[in-house]
Amino acid sequence: MDREVEAGGPTGVVDVGDAVGVLLLTRAQERLDRVTHARFTTFREGARGGWDAAARRRLVDTLADGAPAVVDGSPVRERLAERRWLAWFPRPFGPHHAVNVAGEAVGWTAARCPGIRVVRTHLAARSWQAEVLQAAGPFAATGWGGRRLRGWVARGDRLEDDQVQWACVVEVTRDERELVRAWAWGRGPVAAGSAVATTAAATLDAPWEAGMPAPTLAAGDARRLLDALAGAGVLRWSVTGPDPR
């Protein structure tokens, strides 16, 4: 098995999908008076379509412990790839299949959005990858099958950080209407995650490290952070949906 996946990857690095996701959630919330449904989807892969170590680690973690989610207002755990949907990413990525995986954004959203009904985190996948993961659920429930699937997930491309493209899309709705979609994208997810944490610490005068709850942000703070990161060339971002003004 890939040593980095097995060991949990580099320590102290804020995951860019989780970190940017909470900024985008805060921005998207501005456009709705109440959020009842939220969906986070992270894209991270190299030019040939291989997942980077962090994406594969998330798959392994979900295989072992399930994916935390909120369904009908209650916390639940769901099997890897039990939920699947078509994720709409901005250019140059385009639509991708996505499967539910573990993500810290579920807990963050539940804490920030009282009355939230549904929250899930997803990982973008090629259609054949999504089919394999979805079909492998019962197979993975066996000890032998689980070991085989973990081995397959671990045998991904050995990608350098600057070879990896990443994107994060957050979709929120009120009563499944009035969709707001916020997204960000860039290259080098490890470097971008570090930049988000450093910029947040400087802007908010408080540390933000891996494993810590994301800071509670006012919408203006989230916008300033995203603009600062865009100005530094770390990411591009945008938000679409009903304008409250």
C-alpha atoms as a PDB file:
ATOM      1  CA  MET A   1       0.000   0.000   0.000  1.00  0.00           C
ATOM      2  CA  ASP A   2       1.125   3.553  -0.655  1.00  0.00           C
ATOM      3  CA  ARG A   3       2.946   4.592   2.543  1.00  0.00           C
ATOM      4  CA  GLU A   4       1.541   8.127   2.377  1.00  0.00           C
ATOM      5  CA  VAL A   5      -2.010   6.859   2.125  1.00  0.00           C
ATOM      6  CA  GLU A   6      -1.514   4.293   4.859  1.00  0.00           C
ATOM      7  CA  ALA A   7       0.044   6.795   7.238  1.00  0.00           C
ATOM      8  CA  GLY A   8      -2.528   9.472   6.599  1.00  0.00           C
ATOM      9  CA  GLY A   9      -0.393  11.773   4.458  1.00  0.00           C
ATOM     10  CA  PRO A  10       1.582  14.838   5.481  1.00  0.00           C
ATOM     11  CA  THR A  11       0.692  16.088   8.951  1.00  0.00           C
ATOM     12  CA  GLY A  12      -0.325  19.636   9.719  1.00  0.00           C
ATOM     13  CA  VAL A  13      -1.609  20.353   6.198  1.00  0.00           C
ATOM     14  CA  VAL A  14      -5.120  21.748   5.878  1.00  0.00           C
ATOM     15  CA  ASP A  15      -6.999  19.897   3.123  1.00  0.00           C
ATOM     16  CA  VAL A  16      -7.797  22.371   0.373  1.00  0.00           C
ATOM     17  CA  GLY A  17     -11.211  20.845  -0.337  1.00  0.00           C
ATOM     18  CA  ASP A  18     -12.305  21.228   3.283  1.00  0.00           C
ATOM     19  CA  ALA A  19     -10.663  24.621   3.795  1.00  0.00           C
ATOM     20  CA  VAL A  20     -11.960  26.263   0.630  1.00  0.00           C
ATOM     21  CA  GLY A  21     -15.299  24.493   1.048  1.00  0.00           C
ATOM     22  CA  VAL A  22     -16.053  26.299   4.301  1.00  0.00           C
ATOM     23  CA  LEU A  23     -15.176  29.658   2.686  1.00  0.00           C
ATOM     24  CA  LEU A  24     -17.460  28.904  -0.253  1.00  0.00           C
ATOM     25  CA  LEU A  25     -20.257  27.747   2.051  1.00  0.00           C
ATOM     26  CA  THR A  26     -20.070  31.056   3.918  1.00  0.00           C
ATOM     27  CA  ARG A  27     -20.265  32.976   0.637  1.00  0.00           C
ATOM     28  CA  ALA A  28     -23.163  30.872  -0.663  1.00  0.00           C
ATOM     29  CA  GLN A  29     -25.120  31.367   2.561  1.00  0.00           C
ATOM     30  CA  GLU A  30     -25.236  35.096   1.877  1.00  0.00           C
ATOM     31  CA  ARG A  31     -27.720  34.542  -0.931  1.00  0.00           C
ATOM     32  CA  LEU A  32     -30.275  32.520   1.019  1.00  0.00           C
ATOM     33  CA  ASP A  33     -32.128  33.403   4.191  1.00  0.00           C
ATOM     34  CA  ARG A  34     -31.958  29.747   5.251  1.00  0.00           C
ATOM     35  CA  VAL A  35     -29.948  26.718   4.062  1.00  0.00           C
ATOM     36  CA  THR A  36     -31.577  23.294   4.282  1.00  0.00           C
ATOM     37  CA  HIS A  37     -29.461  21.236   1.857  1.00  0.00           C
ATOM     38  CA  ALA A  38     -25.720  21.418   1.202  1.00  0.00           C
ATOM     39  CA  ARG A  39     -23.472  19.344  -1.025  1.00  0.00           C
ATOM     40  CA  PHE A  40     -19.663  19.602  -1.235  1.00  0.00           C
ATOM     41  CA  THR A  41     -17.750  18.022  -4.101  1.00  0.00           C
ATOM     42  CA  THR A  42     -13.978  18.013  -4.483  1.00  0.00           C
ATOM     43  CA  PHE A  43     -12.114  17.364  -7.729  1.00  0.00           C
ATOM     44  CA  ARG A  44      -8.414  16.491  -7.512  1.00  0.00           C
ATOM     45  CA  GLU A  45      -6.491  14.587 -10.139  1.00  0.00           C
ATOM     46  CA  GLY A  46      -3.526  14.666 -12.489  1.00  0.00           C
ATOM     47  CA  ALA A  47      -3.534  15.131 -16.245  1.00  0.00           C
ATOM     48  CA  ARG A  48      -4.054  11.384 -16.834  1.00  0.00           C
ATOM     49  CA  GLY A  49      -7.007  11.196 -14.479  1.00  0.00           C
ATOM     50  CA  GLY A  50      -5.249   9.635 -11.465  1.00  0.00           C
ATOM     51  CA  TRP A  51      -6.277  10.653  -7.940  1.00  0.00           C
ATOM     52  CA  ASP A  52      -3.674  12.240  -5.710  1.00  0.00           C
ATOM     53  CA  ALA A  53      -2.730  10.760  -2.315  1.00  0.00           C
ATOM     54  CA  ALA A  54      -5.231  12.866  -0.335  1.00  0.00           C
ATOM     55  CA  ALA A  55      -8.160  11.801  -2.531  1.00  0.00           C
ATOM     56  CA  ARG A  56      -7.169   8.149  -2.238  1.00  0.00           C
ATOM     57  CA  ARG A  57      -6.739   8.532   1.526  1.00  0.00           C
ATOM     58  CA  ARG A  58     -10.294   9.876   1.760  1.00  0.00           C
ATOM     59  CA  LEU A  59     -11.569   6.849  -0.144  1.00  0.00           C
ATOM     60  CA  VAL A  60      -9.695   4.490   2.189  1.00  0.00           C
ATOM     61  CA  ASP A  61     -11.015   6.305   5.274  1.00  0.00           C
ATOM     62  CA  THR A  62     -14.571   6.076   3.953  1.00  0.00           C
ATOM     63  CA  LEU A  63     -14.161   2.399   3.184  1.00  0.00           C
ATOM     64  CA  ALA A  64     -13.069   1.794   6.768  1.00  0.00           C
ATOM     65  CA  ASP A  65     -15.465   4.052   8.674  1.00  0.00           C
ATOM     66  CA  GLY A  66     -18.173   5.188   6.259  1.00  0.00           C
ATOM     67  CA  ALA A  67     -18.968   8.740   5.207  1.00  0.00           C
ATOM     68  CA  PRO A  68     -20.536  11.051   7.791  1.00  0.00           C
ATOM     69  CA  ALA A  69     -23.644  12.805   6.502  1.00  0.00           C
ATOM     70  CA  VAL A  70     -26.758  14.552   7.727  1.00  0.00           C
ATOM     71  CA  VAL A  71     -30.028  13.053   6.467  1.00  0.00           C
ATOM     72  CA  ASP A  72     -33.436  14.332   7.602  1.00  0.00           C
ATOM     73  CA  GLY A  73     -31.642  16.483  10.150  1.00  0.00           C
ATOM     74  CA  SER A  74     -29.864  13.565  11.874  1.00  0.00           C
ATOM     75  CA  PRO A  75     -26.212  12.474  11.673  1.00  0.00           C
ATOM     76  CA  VAL A  76     -25.675   9.175   9.845  1.00  0.00           C
ATOM     77  CA  ARG A  77     -22.843   7.157   8.308  1.00  0.00           C
ATOM     78  CA  GLU A  78     -23.125   5.964   4.722  1.00  0.00           C
ATOM     79  CA  ARG A  79     -21.193   3.333   2.810  1.00  0.00           C
ATOM     80  CA  LEU A  80     -18.562   4.441   0.287  1.00  0.00           C
ATOM     81  CA  ALA A  81     -20.230   5.379  -3.031  1.00  0.00           C
ATOM     82  CA  GLU A  82     -23.681   4.650  -1.602  1.00  0.00           C
ATOM     83  CA  ARG A  83     -24.702   8.062  -2.944  1.00  0.00           C
ATOM     84  CA  ARG A  84     -23.714   9.214  -6.400  1.00  0.00           C
ATOM     85  CA  TRP A  85     -24.550  12.238  -8.515  1.00  0.00           C
ATOM     86  CA  LEU A  86     -23.388  14.309 -11.480  1.00  0.00           C
ATOM     87  CA  ALA A  87     -21.240  17.222 -10.303  1.00  0.00           C
ATOM     88  CA  TRP A  88     -21.125  20.417 -12.368  1.00  0.00           C
ATOM     89  CA  PHE A  89     -17.654  21.920 -12.304  1.00  0.00           C
ATOM     90  CA  PRO A  90     -16.533  25.097 -14.062  1.00  0.00           C
ATOM     91  CA  ARG A  91     -14.291  25.054 -17.092  1.00  0.00           C
ATOM     92  CA  PRO A  92     -11.832  23.486 -17.735  1.00  0.00           C
ATOM     93  CA  PHE A  93     -13.159  20.515 -15.702  1.00  0.00           C
ATOM     94  CA  GLY A  94     -16.782  20.156 -16.793  1.00  0.00           C
ATOM     95  CA  PRO A  95     -19.308  17.620 -15.442  1.00  0.00           C
ATOM     96  CA  HIS A  96     -18.023  14.612 -13.518  1.00  0.00           C
ATOM     97  CA  HIS A  97     -19.576  11.718 -11.696  1.00  0.00           C
ATOM     98  CA  ALA A  98     -19.143  11.986  -7.931  1.00  0.00           C
ATOM     99  CA  VAL A  99     -19.383   9.517  -5.052  1.00  0.00           C
ATOM    100  CA  ASN A 100     -19.983  10.263  -1.387  1.00  0.00           C
ATOM    101  CA  VAL A 101     -16.878  10.177   0.796  1.00  0.00           C
ATOM    102  CA  ALA A 102     -15.843  11.303   4.268  1.00  0.00           C
ATOM    103  CA  GLY A 103     -15.271  15.025   4.749  1.00  0.00           C
ATOM    104  CA  GLU A 104     -14.987  17.493   7.608  1.00  0.00           C
ATOM    105  CA  ALA A 105     -17.366  19.871   5.858  1.00  0.00           C
ATOM    106  CA  VAL A 106     -20.355  17.865   7.128  1.00  0.00           C
ATOM    107  CA  GLY A 107     -19.662  18.740  10.758  1.00  0.00           C
ATOM    108  CA  TRP A 108     -18.810  22.341   9.925  1.00  0.00           C
ATOM    109  CA  THR A 109     -22.043  22.807   8.002  1.00  0.00           C
ATOM    110  CA  ALA A 110     -24.215  21.240  10.695  1.00  0.00           C
ATOM    111  CA  ALA A 111     -22.707  23.671  13.214  1.00  0.00           C
ATOM    112  CA  ARG A 112     -23.156  26.716  10.947  1.00  0.00           C
ATOM    113  CA  CYS A 113     -26.612  26.015   9.548  1.00  0.00           C
ATOM    114  CA  PRO A 114     -29.216  25.340  12.259  1.00  0.00           C
ATOM    115  CA  GLY A 115     -32.053  23.282  10.869  1.00  0.00           C
ATOM    116  CA  ILE A 116     -29.958  21.811   8.038  1.00  0.00           C
ATOM    117  CA  ARG A 117     -31.731  18.769   6.623  1.00  0.00           C
ATOM    118  CA  VAL A 118     -29.167  17.146   4.296  1.00  0.00           C
ATOM    119  CA  VAL A 119     -25.377  17.487   4.017  1.00  0.00           C
ATOM    120  CA  ARG A 120     -22.968  15.264   2.098  1.00  0.00           C
ATOM    121  CA  THR A 121     -19.401  15.450   0.807  1.00  0.00           C
ATOM    122  CA  HIS A 122     -18.397  13.890  -2.500  1.00  0.00           C
ATOM    123  CA  LEU A 123     -15.290  13.163  -4.556  1.00  0.00           C
ATOM    124  CA  ALA A 124     -15.346  13.621  -8.319  1.00  0.00           C
ATOM    125  CA  ALA A 125     -14.561  10.479 -10.311  1.00  0.00           C
ATOM    126  CA  ARG A 126     -14.431   9.214 -13.865  1.00  0.00           C
ATOM    127  CA  SER A 127     -17.562   7.265 -14.755  1.00  0.00           C
ATOM    128  CA  TRP A 128     -15.768   3.906 -14.645  1.00  0.00           C
ATOM    129  CA  GLN A 129     -14.226   4.755 -11.267  1.00  0.00           C
ATOM    130  CA  ALA A 130     -17.641   5.628  -9.868  1.00  0.00           C
ATOM    131  CA  GLU A 131     -19.090   2.374 -11.239  1.00  0.00           C
ATOM    132  CA  VAL A 132     -16.319   0.304  -9.647  1.00  0.00           C
ATOM    133  CA  LEU A 133     -16.691   2.011  -6.270  1.00  0.00           C
ATOM    134  CA  GLN A 134     -20.474   1.759  -6.275  1.00  0.00           C
ATOM    135  CA  ALA A 135     -20.489  -1.891  -7.308  1.00  0.00           C
ATOM    136  CA  ALA A 136     -17.795  -2.777  -4.787  1.00  0.00           C
ATOM    137  CA  GLY A 137     -19.825  -1.967  -1.663  1.00  0.00           C
ATOM    138  CA  PRO A 138     -20.939  -5.529  -0.780  1.00  0.00           C
ATOM    139  CA  PHE A 139     -17.566  -6.884  -1.943  1.00  0.00           C
ATOM    140  CA  ALA A 140     -15.710  -4.444   0.322  1.00  0.00           C
ATOM    141  CA  ALA A 141     -17.787  -5.520   3.330  1.00  0.00           C
ATOM    142  CA  THR A 142     -15.819  -8.794   3.401  1.00  0.00           C
ATOM    143  CA  GLY A 143     -12.354  -8.747   4.944  1.00  0.00           C
ATOM    144  CA  TRP A 144     -10.678 -10.029   1.782  1.00  0.00           C
ATOM    145  CA  GLY A 145     -12.688  -7.719  -0.455  1.00  0.00           C
ATOM    146  CA  GLY A 146     -11.941  -4.705   1.712  1.00  0.00           C
ATOM    147  CA  ARG A 147      -8.217  -5.390   1.531  1.00  0.00           C
ATOM    148  CA  ARG A 148      -8.372  -5.738  -2.252  1.00  0.00           C
ATOM    149  CA  LEU A 149     -10.296  -2.491  -2.689  1.00  0.00           C
ATOM    150  CA  ARG A 150      -7.974  -0.599  -0.344  1.00  0.00           C
ATOM    151  CA  GLY A 151      -5.043  -1.899  -2.367  1.00  0.00           C
ATOM    152  CA  TRP A 152      -6.657  -0.714  -5.619  1.00  0.00           C
ATOM    153  CA  VAL A 153      -7.348   2.719  -4.177  1.00  0.00           C
ATOM    154  CA  ALA A 154      -3.779   2.982  -2.884  1.00  0.00           C
ATOM    155  CA  ARG A 155      -2.234   2.132  -6.259  1.00  0.00           C
ATOM    156  CA  GLY A 156      -2.856   5.527  -7.814  1.00  0.00           C
ATOM    157  CA  ASP A 157      -0.503   7.782  -9.705  1.00  0.00           C
ATOM    158  CA  ARG A 158       2.444   9.037  -7.642  1.00  0.00           C
ATOM    159  CA  LEU A 159       1.761  12.687  -8.360  1.00  0.00           C
ATOM    160  CA  GLU A 160       3.828  15.677  -7.404  1.00  0.00           C
ATOM    161  CA  ASP A 161       1.697  18.439  -5.912  1.00  0.00           C
ATOM    162  CA  ASP A 162       2.111  20.831  -8.828  1.00  0.00           C
ATOM    163  CA  GLN A 163       0.869  18.120 -11.214  1.00  0.00           C
ATOM    164  CA  VAL A 164      -2.533  17.993  -9.516  1.00  0.00           C
ATOM    165  CA  GLN A 165      -5.513  20.110 -10.512  1.00  0.00           C
ATOM    166  CA  TRP A 166      -8.170  20.668  -7.885  1.00  0.00           C
ATOM    167  CA  ALA A 167     -11.597  22.240  -7.626  1.00  0.00           C
ATOM    168  CA  CYS A 168     -14.288  22.496  -4.978  1.00  0.00           C
ATOM    169  CA  VAL A 169     -17.977  23.055  -5.656  1.00  0.00           C
ATOM    170  CA  VAL A 170     -20.479  23.835  -2.904  1.00  0.00           C
ATOM    171  CA  GLU A 171     -24.179  23.749  -3.683  1.00  0.00           C
ATOM    172  CA  VAL A 172     -26.740  24.971  -1.157  1.00  0.00           C
ATOM    173  CA  THR A 173     -30.504  25.222  -1.433  1.00  0.00           C
ATOM    174  CA  ARG A 174     -33.456  26.307   0.661  1.00  0.00           C
ATOM    175  CA  ASP A 175     -36.105  23.577   0.687  1.00  0.00           C
ATOM    176  CA  GLU A 176     -34.466  22.152  -2.452  1.00  0.00           C
ATOM    177  CA  ARG A 177     -35.194  25.398  -4.320  1.00  0.00           C
ATOM    178  CA  GLU A 178     -33.179  28.539  -5.072  1.00  0.00           C
ATOM    179  CA  LEU A 179     -29.902  26.791  -5.823  1.00  0.00           C
ATOM    180  CA  VAL A 180     -26.696  28.695  -5.068  1.00  0.00           C
ATOM    181  CA  ARG A 181     -23.448  27.246  -6.433  1.00  0.00           C
ATOM    182  CA  ALA A 182     -20.019  28.504  -5.319  1.00  0.00           C
ATOM    183  CA  TRP A 183     -16.760  27.133  -6.668  1.00  0.00           C
ATOM    184  CA  ALA A 184     -13.010  27.571  -6.600  1.00  0.00           C
ATOM    185  CA  TRP A 185     -10.255  25.887  -8.566  1.00  0.00           C
ATOM    186  CA  GLY A 186      -6.494  25.867  -8.989  1.00  0.00           C
ATOM    187  CA  ARG A 187      -3.332  23.730  -8.989  1.00  0.00           C
ATOM    188  CA  GLY A 188      -1.238  22.189  -6.241  1.00  0.00           C
ATOM    189  CA  PRO A 189      -3.775  21.276  -3.541  1.00  0.00           C
ATOM    190  CA  VAL A 190      -1.208  20.832  -0.747  1.00  0.00           C
ATOM    191  CA  ALA A 191       0.346  24.233  -1.411  1.00  0.00           C
ATOM    192  CA  ALA A 192      -3.120  25.773  -1.759  1.00  0.00           C
ATOM    193  CA  GLY A 193      -4.268  24.266   1.556  1.00  0.00           C
ATOM    194  CA  SER A 194      -1.216  25.709   3.275  1.00  0.00           C
ATOM    195  CA  ALA A 195      -1.858  29.098   1.677  1.00  0.00           C
ATOM    196  CA  VAL A 196      -5.475  29.079   2.867  1.00  0.00           C
ATOM    197  CA  ALA A 197      -4.413  28.293   6.444  1.00  0.00           C
ATOM    198  CA  THR A 198      -1.656  30.932   6.411  1.00  0.00           C
ATOM    199  CA  THR A 199      -3.894  33.604   4.912  1.00  0.00           C
ATOM    200  CA  ALA A 200      -6.720  32.809   7.327  1.00  0.00           C
ATOM    201  CA  ALA A 201      -4.355  32.984  10.303  1.00  0.00           C
ATOM    202  CA  ALA A 202      -3.004  36.350   9.156  1.00  0.00           C
ATOM    203  CA  THR A 203      -6.425  37.801   8.372  1.00  0.00           C
ATOM    204  CA  LEU A 204      -8.243  36.507  11.451  1.00  0.00           C
ATOM    205  CA  ASP A 205      -5.258  36.611  13.819  1.00  0.00           C
ATOM    206  CA  ALA A 206      -5.932  33.000  14.779  1.00  0.00           C
ATOM    207  CA  PRO A 207      -4.287  29.705  13.755  1.00  0.00           C
ATOM    208  CA  TRP A 208      -5.983  27.244  11.441  1.00  0.00           C
ATOM    209  CA  GLU A 209      -4.270  23.864  11.318  1.00  0.00           C
ATOM    210  CA  ALA A 210      -5.186  20.415  10.093  1.00  0.00           C
ATOM    211  CA  GLY A 211      -7.691  18.725  12.371  1.00  0.00           C
ATOM    212  CA  MET A 212      -8.935  22.001  13.872  1.00  0.00           C
ATOM    213  CA  PRO A 213     -12.510  23.153  13.368  1.00  0.00           C
ATOM    214  CA  ALA A 214     -12.704  25.799  10.673  1.00  0.00           C
ATOM    215  CA  PRO A 215     -12.977  29.307  12.109  1.00  0.00           C
ATOM    216  CA  THR A 216     -16.411  30.865  12.250  1.00  0.00           C
ATOM    217  CA  LEU A 217     -16.351  33.402   9.454  1.00  0.00           C
ATOM    218  CA  ALA A 218     -18.482  36.376   8.626  1.00  0.00           C
ATOM    219  CA  ALA A 219     -19.389  36.557   4.943  1.00  0.00           C
ATOM    220  CA  GLY A 220     -17.119  39.571   4.534  1.00  0.00           C
ATOM    221  CA  ASP A 221     -14.171  37.650   5.986  1.00  0.00           C
ATOM    222  CA  ALA A 222     -14.757  34.745   3.617  1.00  0.00           C
ATOM    223  CA  ARG A 223     -14.885  37.115   0.649  1.00  0.00           C
ATOM    224  CA  ARG A 224     -11.674  38.856   1.750  1.00  0.00           C
ATOM    225  CA  LEU A 225      -9.870  35.555   2.158  1.00  0.00           C
ATOM    226  CA  LEU A 226     -10.976  34.260  -1.247  1.00  0.00           C
ATOM    227  CA  ASP A 227     -10.034  37.556  -2.908  1.00  0.00           C
ATOM    228  CA  ALA A 228      -6.628  37.528  -1.206  1.00  0.00           C
ATOM    229  CA  LEU A 229      -5.979  33.966  -2.377  1.00  0.00           C
ATOM    230  CA  ALA A 230      -7.103  34.846  -5.895  1.00  0.00           C
ATOM    231  CA  GLY A 231      -4.825  37.890  -5.884  1.00  0.00           C
ATOM    232  CA  ALA A 232      -1.899  35.676  -4.870  1.00  0.00           C
ATOM    233  CA  GLY A 233      -2.614  33.313  -7.763  1.00  0.00           C
ATOM    234  CA  VAL A 234      -3.624  30.401  -5.498  1.00  0.00           C
ATOM    235  CA  LEU A 235      -7.139  29.982  -6.890  1.00  0.00           C
ATOM    236  CA  ARG A 236      -9.965  31.421  -8.932  1.00  0.00           C
ATOM    237  CA  TRP A 237     -13.468  31.511  -7.506  1.00  0.00           C
ATOM    238  CA  SER A 238     -17.024  32.582  -8.233  1.00  0.00           C
ATOM    239  CA  VAL A 239     -20.580  32.203  -6.957  1.00  0.00           C
ATOM    240  CA  THR A 240     -23.856  32.027  -8.875  1.00  0.00           C
ATOM    241  CA  GLY A 241     -27.448  31.972  -7.754  1.00  0.00           C
ATOM    242  CA  PRO A 242     -30.233  34.288  -6.675  1.00  0.00           C
ATOM    243  CA  ASP A 243     -28.939  37.722  -5.632  1.00  0.00           C
ATOM    244  CA  PRO A 244     -30.577  38.910  -2.394  1.00  0.00           C
ATOM    245  CA  ARG A 245     -30.266  42.518  -3.541  1.00  0.00           C
END
